């Protein structure tokens, strides 16, 4: 198991109805990495945002990257943060 458990924040535009996508990302992370996670925060946001932040680093930003993150991109970002322990 990793020494330091990861903290993930998912910010989604509540006005835009992106809650379903936020829950899907959270579910994916729980299914794949539950033993390596300290928390998953799901934060209602605004302005069309959908961001996935892992230990303070932005892994995906709708503004920067466009659209929603692919499941593979989220999984890879978490693996990068965990290193060879996962």
Protein backbone atom coordinates (compact mmCIF):
# COMPACT_ATOMS: atom_id res chain seq x y z
CA UNK A 1 0.00 0.00 0.00
CA UNK A 2 1.16 3.55 -0.68
CA UNK A 3 2.70 5.45 2.22
CA UNK A 4 0.63 8.56 1.57
CA UNK A 5 -2.98 8.18 0.54
CA UNK A 6 -4.20 10.40 -2.29
CA UNK A 7 -6.72 13.17 -2.02
CA UNK A 8 -8.83 13.72 -5.12
CA UNK A 9 -11.14 16.65 -5.76
CA UNK A 10 -13.68 16.70 -8.58
CA UNK A 11 -15.10 20.15 -9.31
CA UNK A 12 -18.11 20.15 -11.58
CA UNK A 13 -20.50 22.75 -12.90
CA UNK A 14 -23.74 22.15 -11.01
CA UNK A 15 -25.60 24.64 -13.21
CA UNK A 16 -24.57 22.64 -16.28
CA UNK A 17 -25.76 19.33 -14.87
CA UNK A 18 -22.31 17.70 -14.76
CA UNK A 19 -23.06 15.87 -11.52
CA UNK A 20 -23.50 12.53 -13.29
CA UNK A 21 -20.02 12.78 -14.81
CA UNK A 22 -18.51 13.73 -11.43
CA UNK A 23 -20.11 10.69 -9.80
CA UNK A 24 -18.86 8.45 -12.63
CA UNK A 25 -15.26 9.60 -12.07
CA UNK A 26 -15.61 9.11 -8.31
CA UNK A 27 -17.03 5.62 -8.82
CA UNK A 28 -14.18 4.68 -11.17
CA UNK A 29 -11.60 5.84 -8.64
CA UNK A 30 -13.29 3.98 -5.79
CA UNK A 31 -13.44 0.77 -7.82
CA UNK A 32 -9.80 0.90 -8.93
CA UNK A 33 -7.94 2.68 -6.13
CA UNK A 34 -10.00 2.58 -2.93
CA UNK A 35 -7.09 1.32 -0.77
CA UNK A 36 -4.91 4.22 -1.99
CA UNK A 37 -7.39 7.07 -1.43
CA UNK A 38 -7.70 9.25 1.66
CA UNK A 39 -10.69 11.08 0.22
CA UNK A 40 -12.65 11.98 -2.87
CA UNK A 41 -14.27 15.40 -2.65
CA UNK A 42 -17.05 16.21 -5.08
CA UNK A 43 -17.47 19.97 -5.21
CA UNK A 44 -20.36 21.70 -6.98
CA UNK A 45 -18.84 24.55 -8.98
CA UNK A 46 -19.94 26.96 -11.71
CA UNK A 47 -18.93 28.50 -15.05
CA UNK A 48 -18.88 25.25 -17.02
CA UNK A 49 -16.05 23.76 -15.00
CA UNK A 50 -15.09 20.11 -14.72
CA UNK A 51 -11.74 19.59 -13.04
CA UNK A 52 -10.04 16.56 -11.53
CA UNK A 53 -7.37 17.52 -9.00
CA UNK A 54 -5.06 14.92 -7.45
CA UNK A 55 -3.10 15.98 -4.39
CA UNK A 56 -3.33 19.61 -5.49
CA UNK A 57 -2.24 19.00 -9.10
CA UNK A 58 -4.75 19.50 -11.88
CA UNK A 59 -4.97 16.21 -13.78
CA UNK A 60 -7.79 17.42 -16.04
CA UNK A 61 -9.40 20.79 -16.62
CA UNK A 62 -12.32 21.28 -18.96
CA UNK A 63 -11.02 24.80 -19.69
CA UNK A 64 -7.47 23.65 -20.43
CA UNK A 65 -8.09 20.21 -21.97
CA UNK A 66 -11.63 20.52 -23.29
CA UNK A 67 -14.48 18.15 -22.55
CA UNK A 68 -14.63 15.51 -19.88
CA UNK A 69 -11.64 13.34 -19.05
CA UNK A 70 -11.53 9.83 -20.46
CA UNK A 71 -11.54 7.07 -17.86
CA UNK A 72 -8.07 6.04 -19.04
CA UNK A 73 -6.69 9.54 -18.48
CA UNK A 74 -7.99 9.63 -14.92
CA UNK A 75 -6.62 6.16 -14.12
CA UNK A 76 -3.22 7.05 -15.60
CA UNK A 77 -3.05 10.32 -13.63
CA UNK A 78 -3.73 8.48 -10.36
CA UNK A 79 -1.13 5.82 -11.20
CA UNK A 80 1.44 8.53 -11.88
CA UNK A 81 0.80 10.03 -8.44
CA UNK A 82 0.98 6.66 -6.74
CA UNK A 83 4.15 5.55 -8.47
CA UNK A 84 5.15 1.90 -8.71
CA UNK A 85 3.27 0.96 -5.53
CA UNK A 86 -0.12 0.71 -7.27
